[in-house]
């Protein structure tokens, strides 16, 4: 009898605890742009002697929202340089992730500089709508010419002559 009562009580408790009014979606009460940008926001650090010198993040807008899928490759990038070092306009390039043997042999390069860079003001709705935020970083909207040869772009941030961070999409 005790076994039967235990089984009935266990089954009853299982059903009671399984029927919760809480939903996981309550934690994602954000706009559509924010939710879509999770997949296309990435971060890279420049580290020297176990110390972070710079943090580089990028959100690939063409994949996040249709309004940015125009004739340009559009990115929101943030650059944070540690230890209050002055950082001017960042040197960011777009390239192809990997080249074929023929492209390497013929020394073909798709690396290009941005055609437009615009600093985004702090507190902007655009900054508030991306998942990775750094209050000390500078944010930029960057546009590159679209190139059909570049399917998976590689963004590079040049910190110094020898140090750079790369983010691939």
N, C-alpha and C. Protein backbone atom coordinates (compact mmCIF):
# COMPACT_ATOMS: atom_id res chain seq x y z
N UNK A 1 0.82 -1.20 0.00
CA UNK A 1 0.00 0.00 0.00
C UNK A 1 0.86 1.26 0.00
N UNK A 2 1.95 1.22 0.80
CA UNK A 2 2.84 2.38 0.86
C UNK A 2 3.48 2.66 -0.49
N UNK A 3 3.83 1.60 -1.25
CA UNK A 3 4.42 1.79 -2.57
C UNK A 3 3.44 2.47 -3.50
N UNK A 4 2.20 2.04 -3.48
CA UNK A 4 1.17 2.61 -4.35
C UNK A 4 0.94 4.08 -3.99
N UNK A 5 0.88 4.36 -2.73
CA UNK A 5 0.68 5.75 -2.28
C UNK A 5 1.88 6.61 -2.69
N UNK A 6 3.08 6.07 -2.57
CA UNK A 6 4.29 6.82 -2.95
C UNK A 6 4.28 7.11 -4.45
N UNK A 7 3.90 6.16 -5.27
CA UNK A 7 3.87 6.35 -6.72
C UNK A 7 2.83 7.40 -7.10
N UNK A 8 1.65 7.33 -6.48
CA UNK A 8 0.59 8.31 -6.76
C UNK A 8 1.04 9.71 -6.33
N UNK A 9 1.63 9.81 -5.15
CA UNK A 9 2.11 11.10 -4.65
C UNK A 9 3.21 11.66 -5.54
N UNK A 10 4.16 10.82 -5.97
CA UNK A 10 5.23 11.25 -6.85
C UNK A 10 4.69 11.75 -8.19
N UNK A 11 3.73 11.02 -8.77
CA UNK A 11 3.12 11.41 -10.04
C UNK A 11 2.39 12.74 -9.89
N UNK A 12 1.66 12.90 -8.81
CA UNK A 12 0.93 14.14 -8.54
C UNK A 12 1.91 15.32 -8.43
N UNK A 13 2.99 15.15 -7.68
CA UNK A 13 3.98 16.22 -7.52
C UNK A 13 4.69 16.54 -8.85
N UNK A 14 4.91 15.52 -9.65
CA UNK A 14 5.53 15.73 -10.95
C UNK A 14 4.65 16.61 -11.84
N UNK A 15 3.36 16.34 -11.85
CA UNK A 15 2.45 17.15 -12.66
C UNK A 15 2.32 18.57 -12.12
N UNK A 16 2.29 18.73 -10.82
CA UNK A 16 2.15 20.06 -10.22
C UNK A 16 3.38 20.92 -10.53
N UNK A 17 4.57 20.36 -10.36
CA UNK A 17 5.79 21.16 -10.59
C UNK A 17 6.04 21.38 -12.07
N UNK A 18 5.55 20.52 -12.93
CA UNK A 18 5.74 20.68 -14.37
C UNK A 18 4.87 21.75 -14.97
N UNK A 19 3.83 22.14 -14.30
CA UNK A 19 2.89 23.14 -14.82
C UNK A 19 3.17 24.48 -14.15
N UNK A 20 4.16 25.15 -14.60
CA UNK A 20 4.55 26.43 -14.02
C UNK A 20 4.03 27.58 -14.87
N UNK A 21 3.73 28.68 -14.24
CA UNK A 21 3.26 29.85 -14.98
C UNK A 21 4.41 30.68 -15.52
N UNK A 22 5.64 30.34 -15.15
CA UNK A 22 6.80 31.09 -15.62
C UNK A 22 7.19 30.61 -17.02
N UNK A 23 7.66 31.54 -17.80
CA UNK A 23 8.07 31.22 -19.16
C UNK A 23 9.46 31.77 -19.40
N UNK A 24 10.25 31.03 -20.15
CA UNK A 24 11.61 31.48 -20.47
C UNK A 24 11.58 32.77 -21.28
N UNK A 25 10.52 32.99 -22.04
CA UNK A 25 10.46 34.17 -22.90
C UNK A 25 10.39 35.47 -22.11
N UNK A 26 10.06 35.41 -20.84
CA UNK A 26 10.02 36.64 -20.06
C UNK A 26 11.41 37.25 -19.90
N UNK A 27 12.44 36.42 -20.04
CA UNK A 27 13.80 36.91 -19.93
C UNK A 27 14.29 37.56 -21.23
N UNK A 28 13.54 37.38 -22.31
CA UNK A 28 13.91 37.93 -23.60
C UNK A 28 12.91 38.99 -24.04
N UNK A 29 12.61 39.89 -23.16
CA UNK A 29 11.66 40.95 -23.46
C UNK A 29 12.41 42.10 -24.14
N UNK A 30 12.98 41.81 -25.30
CA UNK A 30 13.73 42.79 -26.05
C UNK A 30 13.13 42.91 -27.44
N UNK A 31 13.58 43.92 -28.18
CA UNK A 31 13.06 44.09 -29.53
C UNK A 31 13.68 43.06 -30.48
N UNK A 32 13.10 42.96 -31.65
CA UNK A 32 13.51 41.97 -32.65
C UNK A 32 14.98 42.15 -33.07
N UNK A 33 15.41 43.39 -33.20
CA UNK A 33 16.79 43.69 -33.59
C UNK A 33 17.77 43.09 -32.57
N UNK A 34 17.47 43.29 -31.30
CA UNK A 34 18.33 42.77 -30.22
C UNK A 34 18.43 41.26 -30.30
N UNK A 35 17.31 40.59 -30.45
CA UNK A 35 17.30 39.13 -30.49
C UNK A 35 18.05 38.59 -31.70
N UNK A 36 17.88 39.22 -32.86
CA UNK A 36 18.57 38.77 -34.07
C UNK A 36 20.07 39.04 -34.02
N UNK A 37 20.47 40.08 -33.32
CA UNK A 37 21.88 40.44 -33.31
C UNK A 37 22.74 39.54 -32.41
N UNK A 38 22.10 38.72 -31.56
CA UNK A 38 22.88 37.78 -30.74
C UNK A 38 23.79 36.91 -31.59
N UNK A 39 23.25 36.39 -32.67
CA UNK A 39 23.99 35.46 -33.51
C UNK A 39 25.11 36.15 -34.30
N UNK A 40 24.96 37.43 -34.58
CA UNK A 40 25.91 38.13 -35.44
C UNK A 40 26.69 39.21 -34.72
N UNK A 41 26.89 39.06 -33.42
CA UNK A 41 27.75 39.95 -32.65
C UNK A 41 28.90 39.11 -32.09
N UNK A 42 30.11 39.58 -32.35
CA UNK A 42 31.29 38.84 -31.90
C UNK A 42 32.30 39.79 -31.29
N UNK A 43 33.24 39.20 -30.52
CA UNK A 43 34.21 40.00 -29.77
C UNK A 43 35.60 39.39 -29.92
N UNK A 44 36.61 40.26 -29.96
CA UNK A 44 38.00 39.82 -29.99
C UNK A 44 38.82 40.75 -29.10
N UNK A 45 39.80 40.19 -28.44
CA UNK A 45 40.68 40.97 -27.55
C UNK A 45 42.10 40.99 -28.11
N UNK A 46 42.79 42.06 -27.82
CA UNK A 46 44.23 42.12 -28.09
C UNK A 46 44.90 42.06 -26.72
N UNK A 47 45.68 40.99 -26.52
CA UNK A 47 46.27 40.71 -25.22
C UNK A 47 47.79 40.66 -25.36
N UNK A 48 48.47 41.26 -24.37
CA UNK A 48 49.93 41.21 -24.32
C UNK A 48 50.34 40.99 -22.87
N UNK A 49 51.14 39.99 -22.62
CA UNK A 49 51.59 39.65 -21.26
C UNK A 49 50.41 39.47 -20.31
N UNK A 50 49.41 38.76 -20.75
CA UNK A 50 48.18 38.49 -19.98
C UNK A 50 47.41 39.74 -19.58
N UNK A 51 47.63 40.83 -20.30
CA UNK A 51 46.92 42.08 -20.05
C UNK A 51 46.16 42.48 -21.32
N UNK A 52 44.89 42.80 -21.15
CA UNK A 52 44.08 43.21 -22.30
C UNK A 52 44.42 44.65 -22.66
N UNK A 53 44.84 44.82 -23.91
CA UNK A 53 45.18 46.16 -24.40
C UNK A 53 44.00 46.82 -25.09
N UNK A 54 43.20 46.01 -25.79
CA UNK A 54 42.06 46.56 -26.53
C UNK A 54 40.99 45.48 -26.68
N UNK A 55 39.75 45.94 -26.74
CA UNK A 55 38.61 45.05 -26.96
C UNK A 55 37.89 45.54 -28.21
N UNK A 56 37.63 44.63 -29.12
CA UNK A 56 37.01 44.93 -30.40
C UNK A 56 35.76 44.06 -30.54
N UNK A 57 34.61 44.69 -30.70
CA UNK A 57 33.37 43.93 -30.95
C UNK A 57 32.74 44.43 -32.24
N UNK A 58 31.99 43.54 -32.87
CA UNK A 58 31.33 43.90 -34.13
C UNK A 58 30.00 43.18 -34.25
N UNK A 59 29.03 43.87 -34.81
CA UNK A 59 27.73 43.29 -35.14
C UNK A 59 27.53 43.46 -36.64
N UNK A 60 27.27 42.35 -37.32
CA UNK A 60 27.09 42.34 -38.77
C UNK A 60 25.63 42.66 -39.06
N UNK A 61 25.36 43.92 -39.40
CA UNK A 61 23.99 44.40 -39.54
C UNK A 61 23.24 43.81 -40.74
N UNK A 62 23.95 43.46 -41.80
CA UNK A 62 23.28 42.92 -42.98
C UNK A 62 22.52 41.63 -42.65
N UNK A 63 23.02 40.87 -41.70
CA UNK A 63 22.37 39.62 -41.31
C UNK A 63 21.32 39.82 -40.22
N UNK A 64 21.34 40.97 -39.58
CA UNK A 64 20.44 41.23 -38.45
C UNK A 64 19.11 41.83 -38.89
N UNK A 65 19.15 42.79 -39.82
CA UNK A 65 17.95 43.50 -40.21
C UNK A 65 17.97 43.76 -41.72
N UNK A 66 16.86 43.51 -42.38
CA UNK A 66 16.77 43.67 -43.83
C UNK A 66 17.04 45.10 -44.29
N UNK A 67 16.74 46.08 -43.46
CA UNK A 67 16.95 47.47 -43.90
C UNK A 67 18.43 47.79 -44.09
N UNK A 68 19.34 46.97 -43.53
CA UNK A 68 20.77 47.19 -43.71
C UNK A 68 21.35 46.35 -44.84
N UNK A 69 20.55 45.49 -45.43
CA UNK A 69 21.05 44.64 -46.51
C UNK A 69 20.93 45.39 -47.83
N UNK A 70 21.76 46.41 -47.99
CA UNK A 70 21.74 47.25 -49.19
C UNK A 70 23.00 46.97 -50.01
N UNK A 71 23.51 47.95 -50.69
CA UNK A 71 24.69 47.74 -51.53
C UNK A 71 25.99 47.79 -50.73
N UNK A 72 25.88 47.89 -49.41
CA UNK A 72 27.06 47.95 -48.55
C UNK A 72 27.05 46.80 -47.55
N UNK A 73 28.23 46.49 -47.04
CA UNK A 73 28.37 45.60 -45.89
C UNK A 73 28.39 46.53 -44.68
N UNK A 74 27.43 46.40 -43.77
CA UNK A 74 27.26 47.33 -42.66
C UNK A 74 27.58 46.65 -41.32
N UNK A 75 28.32 47.34 -40.49
CA UNK A 75 28.71 46.82 -39.19
C UNK A 75 28.60 47.92 -38.13
N UNK A 76 28.23 47.51 -36.92
CA UNK A 76 28.43 48.36 -35.75
C UNK A 76 29.65 47.78 -35.07
N UNK A 77 30.67 48.59 -34.89
CA UNK A 77 31.87 48.11 -34.18
C UNK A 77 32.10 48.98 -32.96
N UNK A 78 32.67 48.37 -31.95
CA UNK A 78 33.08 49.14 -30.78
C UNK A 78 34.55 48.84 -30.53
N UNK A 79 35.25 49.87 -30.11
CA UNK A 79 36.67 49.75 -29.81
C UNK A 79 36.91 50.34 -28.43
N UNK A 80 37.47 49.52 -27.57
CA UNK A 80 37.87 50.00 -26.25
C UNK A 80 39.37 49.79 -26.11
N UNK A 81 40.08 50.87 -25.84
CA UNK A 81 41.53 50.80 -25.62
C UNK A 81 41.76 50.98 -24.14
N UNK A 82 42.42 50.01 -23.52
CA UNK A 82 42.64 50.01 -22.07
C UNK A 82 43.64 51.07 -21.64
N UNK A 83 43.66 51.33 -20.36
CA UNK A 83 44.62 52.23 -19.71
C UNK A 83 44.56 53.66 -20.22
N UNK A 84 43.39 54.08 -20.63
CA UNK A 84 43.15 55.46 -21.04
C UNK A 84 44.09 55.95 -22.14
N UNK A 85 44.57 55.03 -22.95
CA UNK A 85 45.41 55.46 -24.07
C UNK A 85 44.52 56.09 -25.12
N UNK A 86 45.01 57.15 -25.71
CA UNK A 86 44.23 57.86 -26.74
C UNK A 86 44.12 56.96 -27.97
N UNK A 87 42.91 56.85 -28.45
CA UNK A 87 42.68 56.07 -29.66
C UNK A 87 41.95 56.96 -30.66
N UNK A 88 42.54 57.10 -31.81
CA UNK A 88 41.91 57.89 -32.87
C UNK A 88 40.89 57.04 -33.59
N UNK A 89 40.60 57.41 -34.81
CA UNK A 89 39.67 56.64 -35.62
C UNK A 89 40.31 55.28 -35.88
N UNK A 90 39.59 54.20 -35.61
CA UNK A 90 40.20 52.87 -35.74
C UNK A 90 40.50 52.51 -37.20
N UNK A 91 41.53 51.70 -37.37
CA UNK A 91 41.88 51.18 -38.69
C UNK A 91 41.25 49.80 -38.80
N UNK A 92 40.16 49.73 -39.56
CA UNK A 92 39.40 48.49 -39.70
C UNK A 92 39.29 48.15 -41.18
N UNK A 93 39.58 46.91 -41.51
CA UNK A 93 39.49 46.47 -42.90
C UNK A 93 38.57 45.25 -43.00
N UNK A 94 38.09 45.03 -44.21
CA UNK A 94 37.24 43.88 -44.50
C UNK A 94 38.00 42.99 -45.49
N UNK A 95 37.94 41.71 -45.27
CA UNK A 95 38.65 40.78 -46.15
C UNK A 95 37.86 39.48 -46.23
N UNK A 96 38.33 38.63 -47.10
CA UNK A 96 37.78 37.29 -47.27
C UNK A 96 38.43 36.40 -46.22
N UNK A 97 37.67 35.44 -45.66
CA UNK A 97 38.23 34.58 -44.62
C UNK A 97 39.34 33.68 -45.14
N UNK A 98 39.12 33.10 -46.30
CA UNK A 98 40.16 32.24 -46.86
C UNK A 98 40.16 32.36 -48.37
N UNK A 99 41.35 32.19 -48.92
CA UNK A 99 41.53 32.31 -50.36
C UNK A 99 41.78 30.93 -50.98
N UNK A 100 41.36 30.77 -52.21
CA UNK A 100 41.65 29.52 -52.92
C UNK A 100 43.12 29.50 -53.32
N UNK A 101 43.59 28.33 -53.72
CA UNK A 101 44.99 28.21 -54.15
C UNK A 101 45.27 29.10 -55.35
N UNK A 102 44.31 29.18 -56.27
CA UNK A 102 44.50 30.03 -57.45
C UNK A 102 44.58 31.51 -57.07
N UNK A 103 43.74 31.92 -56.13
CA UNK A 103 43.77 33.32 -55.69
C UNK A 103 45.10 33.65 -55.01
N UNK A 104 45.59 32.71 -54.23
CA UNK A 104 46.89 32.91 -53.57
C UNK A 104 48.01 32.96 -54.61
N UNK A 105 47.94 32.05 -55.54
CA UNK A 105 48.97 31.98 -56.59
C UNK A 105 49.01 33.27 -57.41
N UNK A 106 47.83 33.81 -57.72
CA UNK A 106 47.75 35.03 -58.52
C UNK A 106 47.82 36.30 -57.68
N UNK A 107 48.01 36.12 -56.37
CA UNK A 107 48.13 37.23 -55.42
C UNK A 107 46.92 38.17 -55.47
N UNK A 108 45.75 37.56 -55.54
CA UNK A 108 44.50 38.32 -55.54
C UNK A 108 44.16 38.66 -54.10
N UNK A 109 43.79 39.90 -53.85
CA UNK A 109 43.40 40.33 -52.51
C UNK A 109 42.07 41.06 -52.58
N UNK A 110 41.19 40.73 -51.66
CA UNK A 110 39.89 41.40 -51.57
C UNK A 110 39.84 42.35 -50.37
N UNK A 111 40.98 42.51 -49.72
CA UNK A 111 41.06 43.37 -48.54
C UNK A 111 40.73 44.80 -48.94
N UNK A 112 39.86 45.43 -48.17
CA UNK A 112 39.48 46.81 -48.49
C UNK A 112 39.23 47.61 -47.23
N UNK A 113 39.41 48.90 -47.37
CA UNK A 113 39.12 49.83 -46.27
C UNK A 113 37.66 50.25 -46.36
N UNK A 114 37.15 50.72 -45.26
CA UNK A 114 35.76 51.17 -45.24
C UNK A 114 35.59 52.40 -46.13
N UNK A 115 34.35 52.58 -46.61
CA UNK A 115 34.08 53.77 -47.41
C UNK A 115 33.43 54.85 -46.56
N UNK A 116 32.88 54.42 -45.42
CA UNK A 116 32.27 55.41 -44.52
C UNK A 116 32.37 54.90 -43.09
N UNK A 117 32.75 55.80 -42.20
CA UNK A 117 32.76 55.49 -40.78
C UNK A 117 32.11 56.67 -40.06
N UNK A 118 31.20 56.35 -39.16
CA UNK A 118 30.47 57.39 -38.45
C UNK A 118 30.39 57.00 -36.98
N UNK A 119 30.86 57.88 -36.11
CA UNK A 119 30.79 57.59 -34.69
C UNK A 119 29.34 57.65 -34.24
N UNK A 120 28.96 56.70 -33.39
CA UNK A 120 27.60 56.65 -32.86
C UNK A 120 27.64 57.22 -31.45
N UNK A 121 26.75 58.13 -31.17
CA UNK A 121 26.72 58.79 -29.86
C UNK A 121 26.27 57.81 -28.77
N UNK A 122 26.84 57.99 -27.60
CA UNK A 122 26.46 57.15 -26.45
C UNK A 122 24.98 57.35 -26.16
N UNK A 123 24.32 56.28 -25.75
CA UNK A 123 22.90 56.33 -25.45
C UNK A 123 22.01 56.21 -26.67
N UNK A 124 22.60 56.05 -27.84
CA UNK A 124 21.83 55.90 -29.07
C UNK A 124 20.99 54.63 -29.02
N UNK A 125 19.83 54.66 -29.66
CA UNK A 125 18.97 53.48 -29.72
C UNK A 125 19.68 52.32 -30.40
N UNK A 126 20.53 52.63 -31.36
CA UNK A 126 21.27 51.59 -32.07
C UNK A 126 22.21 50.85 -31.11
N UNK A 127 22.88 51.58 -30.24
CA UNK A 127 23.79 50.94 -29.28
C UNK A 127 22.99 50.15 -28.25
N UNK A 128 21.87 50.69 -27.82
CA UNK A 128 21.05 50.01 -26.83
C UNK A 128 20.46 48.71 -27.37
N UNK A 129 20.39 48.58 -28.68
CA UNK A 129 19.76 47.40 -29.30
C UNK A 129 20.74 46.28 -29.62
N UNK A 130 22.01 46.41 -29.24
CA UNK A 130 22.95 45.32 -29.49
C UNK A 130 23.27 44.62 -28.17
N UNK A 131 23.58 43.34 -28.21
CA UNK A 131 23.75 42.58 -26.96
C UNK A 131 25.04 42.86 -26.20
N UNK A 132 26.16 43.11 -26.87
CA UNK A 132 27.42 43.35 -26.17
C UNK A 132 27.68 44.85 -26.09
N UNK A 133 27.59 45.39 -24.90
CA UNK A 133 27.80 46.82 -24.72
C UNK A 133 28.95 47.06 -23.75
N UNK A 134 29.75 48.05 -24.05
CA UNK A 134 30.84 48.45 -23.17
C UNK A 134 30.72 49.96 -22.98
N UNK A 135 30.42 50.42 -21.79
CA UNK A 135 30.20 51.86 -21.58
C UNK A 135 31.44 52.72 -21.83
N UNK A 136 32.63 52.11 -21.87
CA UNK A 136 33.85 52.87 -22.07
C UNK A 136 34.32 52.84 -23.53
N UNK A 137 33.66 52.06 -24.35
CA UNK A 137 34.09 51.92 -25.74
C UNK A 137 33.51 53.04 -26.62
N UNK A 138 34.14 53.24 -27.76
CA UNK A 138 33.61 54.12 -28.79
C UNK A 138 32.94 53.23 -29.83
N UNK A 139 31.78 53.67 -30.29
CA UNK A 139 31.00 52.89 -31.25
C UNK A 139 30.99 53.59 -32.60
N UNK A 140 31.03 52.79 -33.65
CA UNK A 140 31.05 53.32 -35.01
C UNK A 140 30.12 52.49 -35.90
N UNK A 141 29.47 53.17 -36.84
CA UNK A 141 28.75 52.51 -37.92
C UNK A 141 29.70 52.55 -39.10
N UNK A 142 30.05 51.37 -39.62
CA UNK A 142 31.03 51.28 -40.69
C UNK A 142 30.40 50.62 -41.91
N UNK A 143 30.69 51.19 -43.08
CA UNK A 143 30.18 50.65 -44.35
C UNK A 143 31.35 50.30 -45.26
N UNK A 144 31.23 49.13 -45.88
CA UNK A 144 32.19 48.68 -46.89
C UNK A 144 31.40 48.41 -48.17
N UNK A 145 32.08 48.55 -49.32
CA UNK A 145 31.46 48.16 -50.58
C UNK A 145 31.18 46.66 -50.54
N UNK A 146 30.04 46.26 -51.07
CA UNK A 146 29.73 44.84 -51.14
C UNK A 146 30.55 44.21 -52.25
N UNK A 147 31.08 43.03 -51.96
CA UNK A 147 31.87 42.30 -52.94
C UNK A 147 31.34 40.88 -52.98
N UNK A 148 30.86 40.44 -54.15
CA UNK A 148 30.25 39.12 -54.25
C UNK A 148 31.25 37.99 -54.00
N UNK A 149 32.54 38.30 -54.06
CA UNK A 149 33.57 37.29 -53.79
C UNK A 149 33.72 37.02 -52.29
N UNK A 150 33.24 37.94 -51.46
CA UNK A 150 33.36 37.78 -50.01
C UNK A 150 32.02 37.29 -49.46
N UNK A 151 31.94 35.98 -49.23
CA UNK A 151 30.71 35.41 -48.67
C UNK A 151 30.70 35.49 -47.15
N UNK A 152 31.83 35.21 -46.54
CA UNK A 152 31.97 35.25 -45.09
C UNK A 152 33.03 36.28 -44.73
N UNK A 153 32.61 37.48 -44.41
CA UNK A 153 33.59 38.54 -44.18
C UNK A 153 34.45 38.34 -42.94
N UNK A 154 35.64 38.89 -43.02
CA UNK A 154 36.59 38.89 -41.92
C UNK A 154 36.93 40.35 -41.63
N UNK A 155 36.56 40.83 -40.44
CA UNK A 155 36.88 42.20 -40.03
C UNK A 155 38.18 42.19 -39.25
N UNK A 156 39.07 43.10 -39.57
CA UNK A 156 40.34 43.21 -38.86
C UNK A 156 40.48 44.61 -38.27
N UNK A 157 40.86 44.65 -37.00
CA UNK A 157 41.13 45.92 -36.32
C UNK A 157 42.62 45.97 -36.04
N UNK A 158 43.29 46.95 -36.62
CA UNK A 158 44.73 47.09 -36.44
C UNK A 158 44.99 48.03 -35.27
N UNK A 159 45.57 47.46 -34.21
CA UNK A 159 45.87 48.24 -33.01
C UNK A 159 47.23 48.89 -33.13
N UNK A 160 48.24 48.10 -33.45
CA UNK A 160 49.59 48.61 -33.74
C UNK A 160 50.07 47.88 -34.98
N UNK A 161 51.29 48.17 -35.38
CA UNK A 161 51.85 47.50 -36.56
C UNK A 161 51.87 45.99 -36.40
N UNK A 162 52.09 45.51 -35.18
CA UNK A 162 52.21 44.08 -34.96
C UNK A 162 50.99 43.44 -34.30
N UNK A 163 50.06 44.23 -33.84
CA UNK A 163 48.92 43.70 -33.10
C UNK A 163 47.61 44.02 -33.79
N UNK A 164 46.81 42.97 -33.97
CA UNK A 164 45.49 43.19 -34.57
C UNK A 164 44.52 42.14 -34.03
N UNK A 165 43.25 42.45 -34.14
CA UNK A 165 42.19 41.53 -33.74
C UNK A 165 41.34 41.26 -34.98
N UNK A 166 40.90 40.01 -35.12
CA UNK A 166 40.10 39.62 -36.26
C UNK A 166 38.81 38.96 -35.80
N UNK A 167 37.73 39.30 -36.51
CA UNK A 167 36.42 38.71 -36.23
C UNK A 167 35.87 38.20 -37.56
N UNK A 168 35.50 36.94 -37.58
CA UNK A 168 34.94 36.36 -38.82
C UNK A 168 33.45 36.10 -38.64
N UNK A 169 32.73 36.31 -39.71
CA UNK A 169 31.27 36.10 -39.71
C UNK A 169 30.89 35.03 -40.70
